[in-house]
All heavy atoms as atom14 arrays in JSON, in Angstrom:
{
  "sequence": "LTKDMPWRPQGLDNLAWWVHMAGAPVVAIGGILEHAQA",
  "atom14_mask": [
    [1, 1, 1, 1, 1, 1, 1, 1, 0, 0, 0, 0, 0, 0],
    [1, 1, 1, 1, 1, 1, 1, 0, 0, 0, 0, 0, 0, 0],
    [1, 1, 1, 1, 1, 1, 1, 1, 1, 0, 0, 0, 0, 0],
    [1, 1, 1, 1, 1, 1, 1, 1, 0, 0, 0, 0, 0, 0],
    [1, 1, 1, 1, 1, 1, 1, 1, 0, 0, 0, 0, 0, 0],
    [1, 1, 1, 1, 1, 1, 1, 0, 0, 0, 0, 0, 0, 0],
    [1, 1, 1, 1, 1, 1, 1, 1, 1, 1, 1, 1, 1, 1],
    [1, 1, 1, 1, 1, 1, 1, 1, 1, 1, 1, 0, 0, 0],
    [1, 1, 1, 1, 1, 1, 1, 0, 0, 0, 0, 0, 0, 0],
    [1, 1, 1, 1, 1, 1, 1, 1, 1, 0, 0, 0, 0, 0],
    [1, 1, 1, 1, 0, 0, 0, 0, 0, 0, 0, 0, 0, 0],
    [1, 1, 1, 1, 1, 1, 1, 1, 0, 0, 0, 0, 0, 0],
    [1, 1, 1, 1, 1, 1, 1, 1, 0, 0, 0, 0, 0, 0],
    [1, 1, 1, 1, 1, 1, 1, 1, 0, 0, 0, 0, 0, 0],
    [1, 1, 1, 1, 1, 1, 1, 1, 0, 0, 0, 0, 0, 0],
    [1, 1, 1, 1, 1, 0, 0, 0, 0, 0, 0, 0, 0, 0],
    [1, 1, 1, 1, 1, 1, 1, 1, 1, 1, 1, 1, 1, 1],
    [1, 1, 1, 1, 1, 1, 1, 1, 1, 1, 1, 1, 1, 1],
    [1, 1, 1, 1, 1, 1, 1, 0, 0, 0, 0, 0, 0, 0],
    [1, 1, 1, 1, 1, 1, 1, 1, 1, 1, 0, 0, 0, 0],
    [1, 1, 1, 1, 1, 1, 1, 1, 0, 0, 0, 0, 0, 0],
    [1, 1, 1, 1, 1, 0, 0, 0, 0, 0, 0, 0, 0, 0],
    [1, 1, 1, 1, 0, 0, 0, 0, 0, 0, 0, 0, 0, 0],
    [1, 1, 1, 1, 1, 0, 0, 0, 0, 0, 0, 0, 0, 0],
    [1, 1, 1, 1, 1, 1, 1, 0, 0, 0, 0, 0, 0, 0],
    [1, 1, 1, 1, 1, 1, 1, 0, 0, 0, 0, 0, 0, 0],
    [1, 1, 1, 1, 1, 1, 1, 0, 0, 0, 0, 0, 0, 0],
    [1, 1, 1, 1, 1, 0, 0, 0, 0, 0, 0, 0, 0, 0],
    [1, 1, 1, 1, 1, 1, 1, 1, 0, 0, 0, 0, 0, 0],
    [1, 1, 1, 1, 0, 0, 0, 0, 0, 0, 0, 0, 0, 0],
    [1, 1, 1, 1, 0, 0, 0, 0, 0, 0, 0, 0, 0, 0],
    [1, 1, 1, 1, 1, 1, 1, 1, 0, 0, 0, 0, 0, 0],
    [1, 1, 1, 1, 1, 1, 1, 1, 0, 0, 0, 0, 0, 0],
    [1, 1, 1, 1, 1, 1, 1, 1, 1, 0, 0, 0, 0, 0],
    [1, 1, 1, 1, 1, 1, 1, 1, 1, 1, 0, 0, 0, 0],
    [1, 1, 1, 1, 1, 0, 0, 0, 0, 0, 0, 0, 0, 0],
    [1, 1, 1, 1, 1, 1, 1, 1, 1, 0, 0, 0, 0, 0],
    [1, 1, 1, 1, 1, 0, 0, 0, 0, 0, 0, 0, 0, 0]
  ],
  "atom14_positions": [
    [[10.43, 8.91, 76.06], [11.39, 9.47, 77.0], [11.48, 8.77, 78.3], [12.22, 9.07, 79.17], [11.12, 10.96, 77.24], [11.09, 11.91, 76.01], [10.65, 13.35, 76.43], [12.44, 11.94, 75.34], [0.0, 0.0, 0.0], [0.0, 0.0, 0.0], [0.0, 0.0, 0.0], [0.0, 0.0, 0.0], [0.0, 0.0, 0.0], [0.0, 0.0, 0.0]],
    [[10.65, 7.61, 78.41], [10.62, 6.93, 79.68], [11.91, 6.16, 79.97], [12.24, 5.87, 81.05], [9.41, 6.02, 79.75], [9.52, 5.13, 78.58], [8.13, 6.74, 79.67], [0.0, 0.0, 0.0], [0.0, 0.0, 0.0], [0.0, 0.0, 0.0], [0.0, 0.0, 0.0], [0.0, 0.0, 0.0], [0.0, 0.0, 0.0], [0.0, 0.0, 0.0]],
    [[12.61, 5.79, 78.87], [13.92, 5.23, 79.08], [14.75, 5.29, 77.78], [14.18, 5.45, 76.72], [13.75, 3.7, 79.41], [13.0, 2.86, 78.41], [13.08, 1.37, 78.78], [11.81, 0.69, 78.62], [11.83, -0.76, 78.98], [0.0, 0.0, 0.0], [0.0, 0.0, 0.0], [0.0, 0.0, 0.0], [0.0, 0.0, 0.0], [0.0, 0.0, 0.0]],
    [[16.02, 5.28, 77.98], [16.98, 5.35, 76.85], [17.04, 4.0, 76.13], [17.12, 2.91, 76.81], [18.37, 5.69, 77.32], [18.49, 7.1, 77.81], [17.68, 7.95, 77.34], [19.32, 7.39, 78.73], [0.0, 0.0, 0.0], [0.0, 0.0, 0.0], [0.0, 0.0, 0.0], [0.0, 0.0, 0.0], [0.0, 0.0, 0.0], [0.0, 0.0, 0.0]],
    [[16.94, 4.02, 74.83], [16.99, 2.77, 74.1], [17.53, 3.01, 72.69], [17.35, 4.11, 72.2], [15.61, 2.03, 74.07], [14.5, 2.87, 73.51], [12.91, 1.96, 73.32], [12.62, 1.44, 75.09], [0.0, 0.0, 0.0], [0.0, 0.0, 0.0], [0.0, 0.0, 0.0], [0.0, 0.0, 0.0], [0.0, 0.0, 0.0], [0.0, 0.0, 0.0]],
    [[18.17, 1.97, 72.12], [18.76, 2.18, 70.8], [17.78, 2.03, 69.62], [18.09, 2.33, 68.45], [19.79, 1.07, 70.75], [19.2, -0.03, 71.54], [18.46, 0.63, 72.65], [0.0, 0.0, 0.0], [0.0, 0.0, 0.0], [0.0, 0.0, 0.0], [0.0, 0.0, 0.0], [0.0, 0.0, 0.0], [0.0, 0.0, 0.0], [0.0, 0.0, 0.0]],
    [[16.54, 1.62, 69.94], [15.6, 1.28, 68.89], [14.99, 2.5, 68.22], [14.63, 3.47, 68.87], [14.5, 0.39, 69.52], [15.06, -0.68, 70.29], [15.1, -0.77, 71.63], [15.58, -1.93, 69.8], [15.64, -2.01, 72.02], [16.01, -2.66, 70.9], [15.8, -2.42, 68.46], [16.58, -4.01, 70.78], [16.39, -3.69, 68.34], [16.78, -4.41, 69.49]],
    [[14.8, 2.41, 66.89], [14.13, 3.32, 66.18], [12.6, 3.2, 66.42], [12.15, 2.07, 66.67], [14.36, 3.21, 64.65], [15.74, 3.52, 64.22], [15.95, 3.11, 62.8], [17.24, 3.5, 62.24], [17.68, 3.05, 61.02], [17.02, 2.24, 60.32], [18.9, 3.47, 60.63], [0.0, 0.0, 0.0], [0.0, 0.0, 0.0], [0.0, 0.0, 0.0]],
    [[11.83, 4.23, 66.32], [10.38, 4.05, 66.52], [9.78, 3.04, 65.49], [10.14, 3.07, 64.31], [9.77, 5.48, 66.3], [10.92, 6.37, 66.61], [12.16, 5.67, 66.19], [0.0, 0.0, 0.0], [0.0, 0.0, 0.0], [0.0, 0.0, 0.0], [0.0, 0.0, 0.0], [0.0, 0.0, 0.0], [0.0, 0.0, 0.0], [0.0, 0.0, 0.0]],
    [[8.88, 2.19, 65.96], [8.32, 1.2, 65.04], [7.32, 1.87, 64.08], [7.21, 1.37, 62.93], [7.58, 0.12, 65.87], [8.43, -0.61, 66.88], [9.1, -1.77, 66.16], [9.25, -1.87, 64.92], [9.72, -2.67, 66.96], [0.0, 0.0, 0.0], [0.0, 0.0, 0.0], [0.0, 0.0, 0.0], [0.0, 0.0, 0.0], [0.0, 0.0, 0.0]],
    [[6.61, 2.88, 64.53], [5.59, 3.51, 63.71], [4.39, 2.59, 63.53], [4.4, 1.41, 63.94], [0.0, 0.0, 0.0], [0.0, 0.0, 0.0], [0.0, 0.0, 0.0], [0.0, 0.0, 0.0], [0.0, 0.0, 0.0], [0.0, 0.0, 0.0], [0.0, 0.0, 0.0], [0.0, 0.0, 0.0], [0.0, 0.0, 0.0], [0.0, 0.0, 0.0]],
    [[3.32, 3.12, 62.95], [2.18, 2.35, 62.8], [2.29, 1.23, 61.71], [1.63, 0.18, 61.78], [1.03, 3.25, 62.34], [0.52, 4.23, 63.4], [-0.45, 5.28, 62.84], [-0.1, 3.52, 64.58], [0.0, 0.0, 0.0], [0.0, 0.0, 0.0], [0.0, 0.0, 0.0], [0.0, 0.0, 0.0], [0.0, 0.0, 0.0], [0.0, 0.0, 0.0]],
    [[3.23, 1.4, 60.77], [3.45, 0.36, 59.73], [4.0, -0.85, 60.43], [3.5, -1.99, 60.21], [4.35, 0.84, 58.63], [5.65, 1.37, 59.07], [5.79, 1.81, 60.28], [6.63, 1.41, 58.31], [0.0, 0.0, 0.0], [0.0, 0.0, 0.0], [0.0, 0.0, 0.0], [0.0, 0.0, 0.0], [0.0, 0.0, 0.0], [0.0, 0.0, 0.0]],
    [[5.07, -0.77, 61.23], [5.6, -1.95, 61.9], [4.59, -2.56, 62.92], [4.53, -3.8, 63.05], [6.9, -1.62, 62.59], [8.14, -1.68, 61.66], [7.93, -1.74, 60.47], [9.32, -1.79, 62.23], [0.0, 0.0, 0.0], [0.0, 0.0, 0.0], [0.0, 0.0, 0.0], [0.0, 0.0, 0.0], [0.0, 0.0, 0.0], [0.0, 0.0, 0.0]],
    [[3.9, -1.67, 63.59], [2.85, -2.17, 64.49], [1.78, -3.06, 63.82], [1.51, -4.18, 64.28], [2.15, -1.0, 65.27], [1.09, -1.42, 66.24], [1.58, -2.34, 67.33], [0.39, -0.15, 66.84], [0.0, 0.0, 0.0], [0.0, 0.0, 0.0], [0.0, 0.0, 0.0], [0.0, 0.0, 0.0], [0.0, 0.0, 0.0], [0.0, 0.0, 0.0]],
    [[1.36, -2.59, 62.66], [0.39, -3.41, 61.84], [0.95, -4.72, 61.4], [0.37, -5.71, 61.44], [-0.14, -2.56, 60.71], [0.0, 0.0, 0.0], [0.0, 0.0, 0.0], [0.0, 0.0, 0.0], [0.0, 0.0, 0.0], [0.0, 0.0, 0.0], [0.0, 0.0, 0.0], [0.0, 0.0, 0.0], [0.0, 0.0, 0.0], [0.0, 0.0, 0.0]],
    [[2.26, -4.68, 61.03], [2.97, -5.86, 60.6], [3.08, -6.83, 61.75], [2.84, -8.03, 61.6], [4.33, -5.47, 60.07], [5.03, -6.59, 59.3], [4.97, -6.9, 57.99], [5.93, -7.55, 59.9], [5.7, -7.97, 57.68], [6.32, -8.37, 58.8], [6.38, -7.8, 61.18], [7.25, -9.49, 59.01], [7.32, -8.94, 61.37], [7.68, -9.69, 60.34]],
    [[3.46, -6.33, 62.96], [3.62, -7.18, 64.17], [2.26, -7.91, 64.4], [2.26, -9.07, 64.68], [3.98, -6.33, 65.38], [5.28, -6.59, 66.04], [5.49, -7.02, 67.29], [6.53, -6.26, 65.47], [6.83, -7.1, 67.53], [7.55, -6.58, 66.41], [7.05, -5.71, 64.31], [8.93, -6.45, 66.28], [8.39, -5.55, 64.09], [9.31, -5.93, 65.05]],
    [[1.18, -7.06, 64.44], [-0.16, -7.71, 64.73], [-0.46, -8.8, 63.75], [-0.99, -9.88, 64.17], [-1.21, -6.58, 64.66], [-2.61, -7.19, 64.74], [-1.06, -5.61, 65.83], [0.0, 0.0, 0.0], [0.0, 0.0, 0.0], [0.0, 0.0, 0.0], [0.0, 0.0, 0.0], [0.0, 0.0, 0.0], [0.0, 0.0, 0.0], [0.0, 0.0, 0.0]],
    [[-0.14, -8.63, 62.48], [-0.46, -9.58, 61.46], [0.46, -10.82, 61.56], [-0.01, -11.91, 61.23], [-0.29, -8.92, 60.07], [-0.65, -9.8, 58.89], [-1.93, -10.2, 58.65], [0.13, -10.36, 57.98], [-1.98, -10.96, 57.55], [-0.72, -11.07, 57.15], [0.0, 0.0, 0.0], [0.0, 0.0, 0.0], [0.0, 0.0, 0.0], [0.0, 0.0, 0.0]],
    [[1.68, -10.6, 61.94], [2.67, -11.73, 61.85], [3.12, -12.36, 63.13], [3.74, -13.47, 63.1], [3.97, -11.12, 61.16], [3.76, -10.57, 59.78], [3.41, -11.9, 58.58], [5.0, -12.75, 58.55], [0.0, 0.0, 0.0], [0.0, 0.0, 0.0], [0.0, 0.0, 0.0], [0.0, 0.0, 0.0], [0.0, 0.0, 0.0], [0.0, 0.0, 0.0]],
    [[2.77, -11.77, 64.26], [3.41, -12.27, 65.52], [3.04, -13.62, 65.93], [3.75, -14.27, 66.59], [3.07, -11.23, 66.63], [0.0, 0.0, 0.0], [0.0, 0.0, 0.0], [0.0, 0.0, 0.0], [0.0, 0.0, 0.0], [0.0, 0.0, 0.0], [0.0, 0.0, 0.0], [0.0, 0.0, 0.0], [0.0, 0.0, 0.0], [0.0, 0.0, 0.0]],
    [[1.83, -14.13, 65.6], [1.44, -15.38, 66.12], [1.07, -15.37, 67.63], [1.11, -16.42, 68.27], [0.0, 0.0, 0.0], [0.0, 0.0, 0.0], [0.0, 0.0, 0.0], [0.0, 0.0, 0.0], [0.0, 0.0, 0.0], [0.0, 0.0, 0.0], [0.0, 0.0, 0.0], [0.0, 0.0, 0.0], [0.0, 0.0, 0.0], [0.0, 0.0, 0.0]],
    [[0.86, -14.15, 68.13], [0.54, -13.93, 69.5], [-0.16, -12.65, 69.58], [-0.01, -11.74, 68.65], [1.76, -13.92, 70.41], [0.0, 0.0, 0.0], [0.0, 0.0, 0.0], [0.0, 0.0, 0.0], [0.0, 0.0, 0.0], [0.0, 0.0, 0.0], [0.0, 0.0, 0.0], [0.0, 0.0, 0.0], [0.0, 0.0, 0.0], [0.0, 0.0, 0.0]],
    [[-1.0, -12.37, 70.6], [-1.57, -10.99, 70.74], [-0.44, -9.99, 70.83], [0.67, -10.26, 71.45], [-2.34, -11.1, 72.04], [-2.66, -12.53, 72.18], [-1.47, -13.27, 71.67], [0.0, 0.0, 0.0], [0.0, 0.0, 0.0], [0.0, 0.0, 0.0], [0.0, 0.0, 0.0], [0.0, 0.0, 0.0], [0.0, 0.0, 0.0], [0.0, 0.0, 0.0]],
    [[-0.63, -8.8, 70.36], [0.36, -7.74, 70.35], [-0.2, -6.48, 71.13], [-1.3, -6.11, 70.97], [0.7, -7.32, 68.91], [1.53, -6.04, 68.88], [1.48, -8.43, 68.21], [0.0, 0.0, 0.0], [0.0, 0.0, 0.0], [0.0, 0.0, 0.0], [0.0, 0.0, 0.0], [0.0, 0.0, 0.0], [0.0, 0.0, 0.0], [0.0, 0.0, 0.0]],
    [[0.73, -5.95, 71.94], [0.41, -4.84, 72.72], [1.25, -3.65, 72.22], [2.49, -3.8, 71.96], [0.67, -5.02, 74.21], [0.74, -3.68, 74.92], [-0.37, -5.88, 74.81], [0.0, 0.0, 0.0], [0.0, 0.0, 0.0], [0.0, 0.0, 0.0], [0.0, 0.0, 0.0], [0.0, 0.0, 0.0], [0.0, 0.0, 0.0], [0.0, 0.0, 0.0]],
    [[0.68, -2.46, 71.93], [1.39, -1.32, 71.42], [1.86, -0.5, 72.62], [1.1, -0.25, 73.54], [0.44, -0.44, 70.57], [0.0, 0.0, 0.0], [0.0, 0.0, 0.0], [0.0, 0.0, 0.0], [0.0, 0.0, 0.0], [0.0, 0.0, 0.0], [0.0, 0.0, 0.0], [0.0, 0.0, 0.0], [0.0, 0.0, 0.0], [0.0, 0.0, 0.0]],
    [[3.12, -0.15, 72.59], [3.75, 0.61, 73.71], [4.75, 1.56, 73.17], [5.42, 1.3, 72.18], [4.39, -0.43, 74.73], [4.83, 0.3, 75.96], [5.54, -1.16, 74.05], [5.32, -0.6, 77.12], [0.0, 0.0, 0.0], [0.0, 0.0, 0.0], [0.0, 0.0, 0.0], [0.0, 0.0, 0.0], [0.0, 0.0, 0.0], [0.0, 0.0, 0.0]],
    [[4.9, 2.68, 73.91], [5.98, 3.68, 73.61], [5.5, 4.88, 72.95], [4.98, 4.88, 71.84], [0.0, 0.0, 0.0], [0.0, 0.0, 0.0], [0.0, 0.0, 0.0], [0.0, 0.0, 0.0], [0.0, 0.0, 0.0], [0.0, 0.0, 0.0], [0.0, 0.0, 0.0], [0.0, 0.0, 0.0], [0.0, 0.0, 0.0], [0.0, 0.0, 0.0]],
    [[5.59, 6.07, 73.65], [5.3, 7.39, 73.14], [3.85, 7.64, 72.86], [3.63, 8.56, 72.05], [0.0, 0.0, 0.0], [0.0, 0.0, 0.0], [0.0, 0.0, 0.0], [0.0, 0.0, 0.0], [0.0, 0.0, 0.0], [0.0, 0.0, 0.0], [0.0, 0.0, 0.0], [0.0, 0.0, 0.0], [0.0, 0.0, 0.0], [0.0, 0.0, 0.0]],
    [[2.97, 6.89, 73.43], [1.49, 7.15, 73.2], [1.03, 8.17, 74.2], [0.79, 7.91, 75.33], [0.71, 5.78, 73.38], [1.3, 4.76, 72.37], [-0.75, 6.02, 73.12], [0.69, 3.42, 72.53], [0.0, 0.0, 0.0], [0.0, 0.0, 0.0], [0.0, 0.0, 0.0], [0.0, 0.0, 0.0], [0.0, 0.0, 0.0], [0.0, 0.0, 0.0]],
    [[0.96, 9.4, 73.7], [0.76, 10.56, 74.57], [-0.54, 11.29, 74.16], [-1.02, 12.18, 74.92], [1.92, 11.55, 74.45], [3.3, 10.98, 74.89], [4.33, 12.06, 74.61], [3.29, 10.6, 76.31], [0.0, 0.0, 0.0], [0.0, 0.0, 0.0], [0.0, 0.0, 0.0], [0.0, 0.0, 0.0], [0.0, 0.0, 0.0], [0.0, 0.0, 0.0]],
    [[-1.1, 10.99, 73.01], [-2.3, 11.7, 72.5], [-3.36, 10.65, 72.17], [-3.07, 9.58, 71.72], [-1.93, 12.61, 71.31], [-0.92, 13.66, 71.62], [-0.5, 14.41, 70.42], [-1.12, 14.11, 69.3], [0.3, 15.33, 70.44], [0.0, 0.0, 0.0], [0.0, 0.0, 0.0], [0.0, 0.0, 0.0], [0.0, 0.0, 0.0], [0.0, 0.0, 0.0]],
    [[-4.62, 11.11, 72.27], [-5.77, 10.2, 71.9], [-5.65, 9.75, 70.45], [-5.99, 8.58, 70.18], [-7.05, 10.89, 72.17], [-7.31, 11.08, 73.64], [-8.32, 12.01, 74.1], [-6.73, 10.65, 74.76], [-8.34, 12.01, 75.39], [-7.33, 11.18, 75.83], [0.0, 0.0, 0.0], [0.0, 0.0, 0.0], [0.0, 0.0, 0.0], [0.0, 0.0, 0.0]],
    [[-5.23, 10.56, 69.54], [-5.11, 10.15, 68.17], [-4.16, 9.02, 67.97], [-4.37, 8.15, 67.07], [-4.7, 11.37, 67.28], [0.0, 0.0, 0.0], [0.0, 0.0, 0.0], [0.0, 0.0, 0.0], [0.0, 0.0, 0.0], [0.0, 0.0, 0.0], [0.0, 0.0, 0.0], [0.0, 0.0, 0.0], [0.0, 0.0, 0.0], [0.0, 0.0, 0.0]],
    [[-3.07, 9.03, 68.78], [-2.15, 7.94, 68.7], [-2.78, 6.6, 69.18], [-2.58, 5.56, 68.59], [-0.87, 8.26, 69.53], [-0.07, 9.4, 68.96], [1.04, 9.77, 69.95], [0.81, 10.01, 71.13], [2.24, 9.84, 69.45], [0.0, 0.0, 0.0], [0.0, 0.0, 0.0], [0.0, 0.0, 0.0], [0.0, 0.0, 0.0], [0.0, 0.0, 0.0]],
    [[-3.47, 6.66, 70.32], [-4.14, 5.49, 70.83], [-5.19, 4.97, 69.8], [-5.32, 3.76, 69.6], [-4.8, 5.77, 72.14], [0.0, 0.0, 0.0], [0.0, 0.0, 0.0], [0.0, 0.0, 0.0], [0.0, 0.0, 0.0], [0.0, 0.0, 0.0], [0.0, 0.0, 0.0], [0.0, 0.0, 0.0], [0.0, 0.0, 0.0], [0.0, 0.0, 0.0]]
  ]
}
């Protein structure tokens, strides 16, 4: 809710894919409000 954006949530599946494929360190951001999410 911090800003309006057209993007669908990436979810943990896309985050894991980003980490594996990015060729750069990846930072997780967006909607992380609970310890279980972190």
